């Protein structure tokens, strides 16, 4: 088996079915399997998948165990030389698997790779190529400097806005919406850290992969479409909480011992302020 594709579903049944259909429409000589993990959606996902795509391997969780743990369930039974984390709200193109797997086969130094990811309106999903969220990178991003100076590398260490999205290059971090990982890299660094519930696990994984000597690579010679939730929709408190908890978790795991108590204190204050502002903005958004 060349590739194991892991899709985690949580109450996105129709999007997930469309995602699976797009995979099976792929034009590739590589062999692959799809492992679908449902996080207690209670929306008939597993029954629908079994009926429409009986070849899909399914895992039906009795509770929502989070994104990291659900993906790890899939990784444990995966048979492929490569593992692909694929969001349930994405559509792959007919050539996506062929292009990306061929790239990985031709570049054995690459531990993880990602393609270009676009939103339904055709704009770039900026999360598909990122730097690591160091204290300075996080500060410039969180407080708007990257938007004010989009082409200045100093202020765009996180989203790398000064780099063309149509060129290929090594980067720090990919995104879990589409992350293709070499089996040997997983064997060396381990699976996703289950302390991260639904954010930050992809950056943490990329950090460990790069620390182990592998290359993380952005390869925009193919793309997928990512149907992210509308920004105007009011988000549940848990989503906002987990997003900001992941920031602290990542910082404590990888940066706290590298920086002074003053820098660490400013990071905690900054995340706290951003958390409060996010809660306030969220309350003003309409309920849908």
Protein backbone atom coordinates (compact mmCIF):
# COMPACT_ATOMS: atom_id res chain seq x y z
CA UNK A 1 0.00 0.00 0.00
CA UNK A 2 1.42 3.38 -1.00
CA UNK A 3 -0.84 5.74 0.91
CA UNK A 4 -3.19 5.75 3.87
CA UNK A 5 -5.59 8.72 3.87
CA UNK A 6 -7.04 9.56 7.28
CA UNK A 7 -10.17 11.68 7.45
CA UNK A 8 -11.68 12.71 10.79
CA UNK A 9 -15.37 13.60 10.74
CA UNK A 10 -17.22 15.66 13.31
CA UNK A 11 -20.70 16.66 12.18
CA UNK A 12 -19.68 17.40 8.60
CA UNK A 13 -21.33 14.41 6.96
CA UNK A 14 -22.14 15.87 3.55
CA UNK A 15 -18.77 17.61 3.25
CA UNK A 16 -17.03 14.40 4.29
CA UNK A 17 -18.87 12.35 1.67
CA UNK A 18 -17.89 14.90 -0.99
CA UNK A 19 -14.29 14.77 0.23
CA UNK A 20 -14.19 10.97 -0.04
CA UNK A 21 -15.78 11.12 -3.51
CA UNK A 22 -13.08 13.55 -4.66
CA UNK A 23 -10.39 11.13 -3.47
CA UNK A 24 -11.93 8.25 -5.41
CA UNK A 25 -12.03 10.47 -8.50
CA UNK A 26 -8.23 10.73 -8.35
CA UNK A 27 -6.17 9.83 -11.40
CA UNK A 28 -3.22 7.98 -9.94
CA UNK A 29 -1.25 4.78 -10.33
CA UNK A 30 -0.52 4.73 -6.61
CA UNK A 31 -2.49 2.42 -4.32
CA UNK A 32 -4.30 3.94 -1.37
CA UNK A 33 -6.78 3.30 1.40
CA UNK A 34 -9.15 5.67 3.18
CA UNK A 35 -9.59 5.46 6.95
CA UNK A 36 -12.57 7.42 8.22
CA UNK A 37 -12.74 8.22 11.94
CA UNK A 38 -16.01 9.62 13.27
CA UNK A 39 -15.88 11.52 16.56
CA UNK A 40 -19.37 10.73 17.88
CA UNK A 41 -21.08 13.00 15.36
CA UNK A 42 -24.45 11.24 15.73
CA UNK A 43 -25.28 12.28 12.18
CA UNK A 44 -25.33 8.89 10.49
CA UNK A 45 -21.84 9.39 9.07
CA UNK A 46 -20.61 5.82 9.38
CA UNK A 47 -23.79 4.31 7.96
CA UNK A 48 -23.73 6.73 5.02
CA UNK A 49 -20.06 6.03 4.31
CA UNK A 50 -20.52 2.26 4.52
CA UNK A 51 -23.43 2.44 2.09
CA UNK A 52 -21.84 4.76 -0.46
CA UNK A 53 -18.18 3.75 -0.09
CA UNK A 54 -18.03 0.21 1.34
CA UNK A 55 -14.27 0.05 0.71
CA UNK A 56 -13.61 2.80 3.28
CA UNK A 57 -12.25 1.58 6.63
CA UNK A 58 -14.31 3.14 9.41
CA UNK A 59 -13.77 3.81 13.10
CA UNK A 60 -16.85 4.88 15.07
CA UNK A 61 -15.91 6.64 18.31
CA UNK A 62 -18.41 6.75 21.17
CA UNK A 63 -17.17 10.22 22.18
CA UNK A 64 -15.38 13.17 20.62
CA UNK A 65 -11.77 12.32 21.37
CA UNK A 66 -10.34 15.29 19.48
CA UNK A 67 -8.44 15.68 16.23
CA UNK A 68 -5.05 14.36 17.38
CA UNK A 69 -6.28 11.22 19.06
CA UNK A 70 -8.69 10.39 16.21
CA UNK A 71 -5.92 10.71 13.62
CA UNK A 72 -3.66 8.55 15.76
CA UNK A 73 -6.33 5.86 15.76
CA UNK A 74 -6.13 5.87 11.99
CA UNK A 75 -2.33 5.93 11.91
CA UNK A 76 -2.16 2.84 14.11
CA UNK A 77 -4.00 0.72 11.55
CA UNK A 78 -2.66 2.43 8.43
CA UNK A 79 -0.85 0.21 5.92
CA UNK A 80 0.63 2.86 3.63
CA UNK A 81 4.22 3.93 3.03
CA UNK A 82 2.86 7.43 3.49
CA UNK A 83 0.12 8.83 5.70
CA UNK A 84 -2.05 11.74 4.58
CA UNK A 85 -4.00 13.80 7.08
CA UNK A 86 -6.93 15.21 5.10
CA UNK A 87 -9.61 17.49 6.49
CA UNK A 88 -13.19 16.40 5.98
CA UNK A 89 -14.06 19.81 4.49
CA UNK A 90 -11.62 19.60 1.59
CA UNK A 91 -11.80 18.58 -2.07
CA UNK A 92 -8.72 17.10 -3.71
CA UNK A 93 -8.06 17.55 -7.41
CA UNK A 94 -7.75 14.57 -9.77
CA UNK A 95 -3.95 14.95 -9.90
CA UNK A 96 -3.31 15.78 -6.24
CA UNK A 97 -2.34 12.32 -4.99
CA UNK A 98 -0.24 11.48 -8.06
CA UNK A 99 1.70 14.75 -7.95
CA UNK A 100 2.36 14.71 -4.21
CA UNK A 101 3.31 11.05 -3.94
CA UNK A 102 5.64 11.30 -6.91
CA UNK A 103 7.29 14.32 -5.29
CA UNK A 104 7.80 12.42 -2.03
CA UNK A 105 9.26 9.40 -3.82
CA UNK A 106 11.73 11.65 -5.64
CA UNK A 107 12.80 13.51 -2.47
CA UNK A 108 13.65 11.05 0.32
CA UNK A 109 14.94 13.86 2.54
CA UNK A 110 11.41 15.28 2.88
CA UNK A 111 9.60 14.02 5.95
CA UNK A 112 6.34 15.91 5.38
CA UNK A 113 4.92 17.89 2.51
CA UNK A 114 1.84 19.90 1.67
CA UNK A 115 0.30 21.27 -1.49
CA UNK A 116 -1.27 24.65 -2.16
CA UNK A 117 -4.61 25.06 -0.39
CA UNK A 118 -7.19 27.51 -1.69
CA UNK A 119 -10.51 28.66 -0.27
CA UNK A 120 -13.74 28.38 -2.29
CA UNK A 121 -13.32 31.96 -3.54
CA UNK A 122 -9.91 31.08 -4.97
CA UNK A 123 -7.81 32.91 -2.39
CA UNK A 124 -4.97 31.22 -0.57
CA UNK A 125 -5.53 29.45 2.73
CA UNK A 126 -2.52 31.06 4.38
CA UNK A 127 -2.17 28.28 6.92
CA UNK A 128 -0.77 25.95 4.24
CA UNK A 129 2.74 27.45 4.58
CA UNK A 130 3.88 28.75 7.93
CA UNK A 131 6.83 29.50 10.11
CA UNK A 132 6.96 28.31 13.69
CA UNK A 133 5.12 30.54 16.21
CA UNK A 134 8.12 31.90 18.09
CA UNK A 135 7.31 34.67 20.57
CA UNK A 136 8.26 37.38 18.07
CA UNK A 137 6.44 35.73 15.15
CA UNK A 138 3.32 35.25 17.26
CA UNK A 139 3.40 38.85 18.46
CA UNK A 140 3.67 40.32 14.97
CA UNK A 141 0.90 38.05 13.72
CA UNK A 142 -1.52 38.38 16.65
CA UNK A 143 -1.35 42.15 16.82
CA UNK A 144 -1.61 42.95 13.12
CA UNK A 145 1.93 43.84 12.09
CA UNK A 146 1.93 41.12 9.44
CA UNK A 147 -1.13 42.70 7.81
CA UNK A 148 0.34 46.18 7.95
CA UNK A 149 3.65 45.06 6.42
CA UNK A 150 2.79 41.94 4.37
CA UNK A 151 6.04 41.88 2.37
CA UNK A 152 8.46 42.47 5.24
CA UNK A 153 10.02 39.16 6.39
CA UNK A 154 10.57 40.40 9.97
CA UNK A 155 6.84 40.94 10.46
CA UNK A 156 5.73 37.84 8.51
CA UNK A 157 7.66 35.05 10.18
CA UNK A 158 4.46 33.08 10.81
CA UNK A 159 2.36 33.19 7.63
CA UNK A 160 5.33 33.86 5.33
CA UNK A 161 3.36 36.38 3.30
CA UNK A 162 6.53 37.63 1.62
CA UNK A 163 7.00 34.26 -0.13
CA UNK A 164 5.10 33.51 -3.33
CA UNK A 165 2.37 30.88 -2.89
CA UNK A 166 3.15 29.64 -6.41
CA UNK A 167 6.78 28.73 -5.71
CA UNK A 168 8.08 25.67 -3.88
CA UNK A 169 10.44 25.75 -0.89
CA UNK A 170 11.21 24.17 2.50
CA UNK A 171 9.17 25.67 5.32
CA UNK A 172 8.76 25.18 9.05
CA UNK A 173 5.15 24.07 9.23
CA UNK A 174 2.36 22.66 7.11
CA UNK A 175 -1.30 22.40 8.08
CA UNK A 176 -3.30 19.37 9.17
CA UNK A 177 -5.91 20.01 6.48
CA UNK A 178 -3.46 18.36 4.05
CA UNK A 179 -0.25 16.93 5.45
CA UNK A 180 1.56 14.07 3.71
CA UNK A 181 4.00 12.30 6.06
CA UNK A 182 6.61 9.68 5.36
CA UNK A 183 6.22 6.49 7.40
CA UNK A 184 9.90 6.60 8.46
CA UNK A 185 9.43 10.11 9.88
CA UNK A 186 6.47 8.96 11.96
CA UNK A 187 8.47 5.98 13.24
CA UNK A 188 11.24 8.35 14.31
CA UNK A 189 9.31 11.18 15.96
CA UNK A 190 6.10 9.45 17.03
CA UNK A 191 2.49 10.25 16.30
CA UNK A 192 0.48 13.39 17.01
CA UNK A 193 0.63 14.74 20.56
CA UNK A 194 -2.80 14.03 22.03
CA UNK A 195 -2.43 16.86 24.55
CA UNK A 196 -3.53 19.07 21.65
CA UNK A 197 -7.28 18.59 21.22
CA UNK A 198 -8.02 20.31 17.91
CA UNK A 199 -5.40 23.01 17.24
CA UNK A 200 -1.61 23.14 17.25
CA UNK A 201 -1.01 19.42 16.78
CA UNK A 202 0.10 19.94 13.17
CA UNK A 203 2.64 22.63 14.08
CA UNK A 204 3.94 20.52 16.95
CA UNK A 205 4.33 17.51 14.63
CA UNK A 206 6.17 19.60 12.03
CA UNK A 207 8.43 20.98 14.74
CA UNK A 208 9.39 17.49 15.87
CA UNK A 209 9.85 16.28 12.30
CA UNK A 210 12.19 19.17 11.48
CA UNK A 211 14.07 18.79 14.76
CA UNK A 212 14.70 15.15 13.82
CA UNK A 213 16.48 16.28 10.65
CA UNK A 214 13.72 15.89 8.08
CA UNK A 215 12.61 18.61 5.66
CA UNK A 216 9.06 20.01 5.69
CA UNK A 217 8.22 21.15 2.16
CA UNK A 218 5.61 23.33 0.48
CA UNK A 219 4.90 22.03 -3.04
CA UNK A 220 2.23 24.07 -4.89
CA UNK A 221 2.26 22.08 -8.14
CA UNK A 222 -1.22 20.87 -7.28
CA UNK A 223 -3.89 22.11 -4.90
CA UNK A 224 -6.95 21.26 -2.85
CA UNK A 225 -10.00 23.36 -1.95
CA UNK A 226 -10.69 23.96 1.73
CA UNK A 227 -14.23 24.82 2.79
CA UNK A 228 -13.50 26.56 6.07
CA UNK A 229 -16.32 27.75 8.29
CA UNK A 230 -17.59 31.27 7.66
CA UNK A 231 -15.73 33.80 9.76
CA UNK A 232 -18.93 35.61 10.65
CA UNK A 233 -20.40 32.56 12.36
CA UNK A 234 -20.39 32.57 16.15
CA UNK A 235 -18.05 29.88 17.45
CA UNK A 236 -18.61 27.66 20.49
CA UNK A 237 -16.59 28.67 23.53
CA UNK A 238 -14.62 25.39 23.44
CA UNK A 239 -13.23 26.16 19.98
CA UNK A 240 -11.94 29.56 21.08
CA UNK A 241 -10.58 28.08 24.30
CA UNK A 242 -8.78 25.19 22.56
CA UNK A 243 -7.26 27.54 19.98
CA UNK A 244 -5.63 29.65 22.66
CA UNK A 245 -4.80 26.71 24.93
CA UNK A 246 -2.84 25.23 22.03
CA UNK A 247 -0.72 28.38 21.87
CA UNK A 248 0.28 28.02 25.52
CA UNK A 249 0.79 24.28 25.19
CA UNK A 250 3.11 24.67 22.19
CA UNK A 251 5.07 27.49 23.83
CA UNK A 252 5.55 25.56 27.06
CA UNK A 253 6.63 22.44 25.20
CA UNK A 254 9.13 23.99 22.81
CA UNK A 255 10.03 27.55 23.85
CA UNK A 256 9.55 28.16 27.57
CA UNK A 257 13.00 26.89 28.54
CA UNK A 258 14.66 28.84 25.71
CA UNK A 259 13.41 32.26 26.80
CA UNK A 260 13.62 34.44 29.89
CA UNK A 261 10.88 34.69 32.50
CA UNK A 262 10.08 38.15 31.15
CA UNK A 263 9.53 36.90 27.59
CA UNK A 264 7.48 33.96 28.85
CA UNK A 265 5.38 36.30 30.96
CA UNK A 266 4.72 38.56 28.00
CA UNK A 267 3.69 35.53 25.92
CA UNK A 268 1.16 34.44 28.55
CA UNK A 269 -0.21 37.97 28.87
CA UNK A 270 -0.43 38.31 25.09
CA UNK A 271 -2.35 35.06 24.70
CA UNK A 272 -4.64 36.08 27.55
CA UNK A 273 -5.39 39.44 25.92
CA UNK A 274 -6.00 37.80 22.55
CA UNK A 275 -8.29 35.23 24.19
CA UNK A 276 -10.35 37.98 25.83
CA UNK A 277 -10.60 39.95 22.58
CA UNK A 278 -11.64 36.81 20.67
CA UNK A 279 -14.40 36.12 23.18
CA UNK A 280 -15.64 39.70 22.91
CA UNK A 281 -15.66 39.68 19.10
CA UNK A 282 -17.36 36.31 19.05
CA UNK A 283 -20.26 37.57 21.19
CA UNK A 284 -20.91 40.30 18.64
CA UNK A 285 -21.18 37.86 15.73
CA UNK A 286 -24.59 36.61 14.60
CA UNK A 287 -25.74 33.14 15.54
CA UNK A 288 -26.21 30.80 12.56
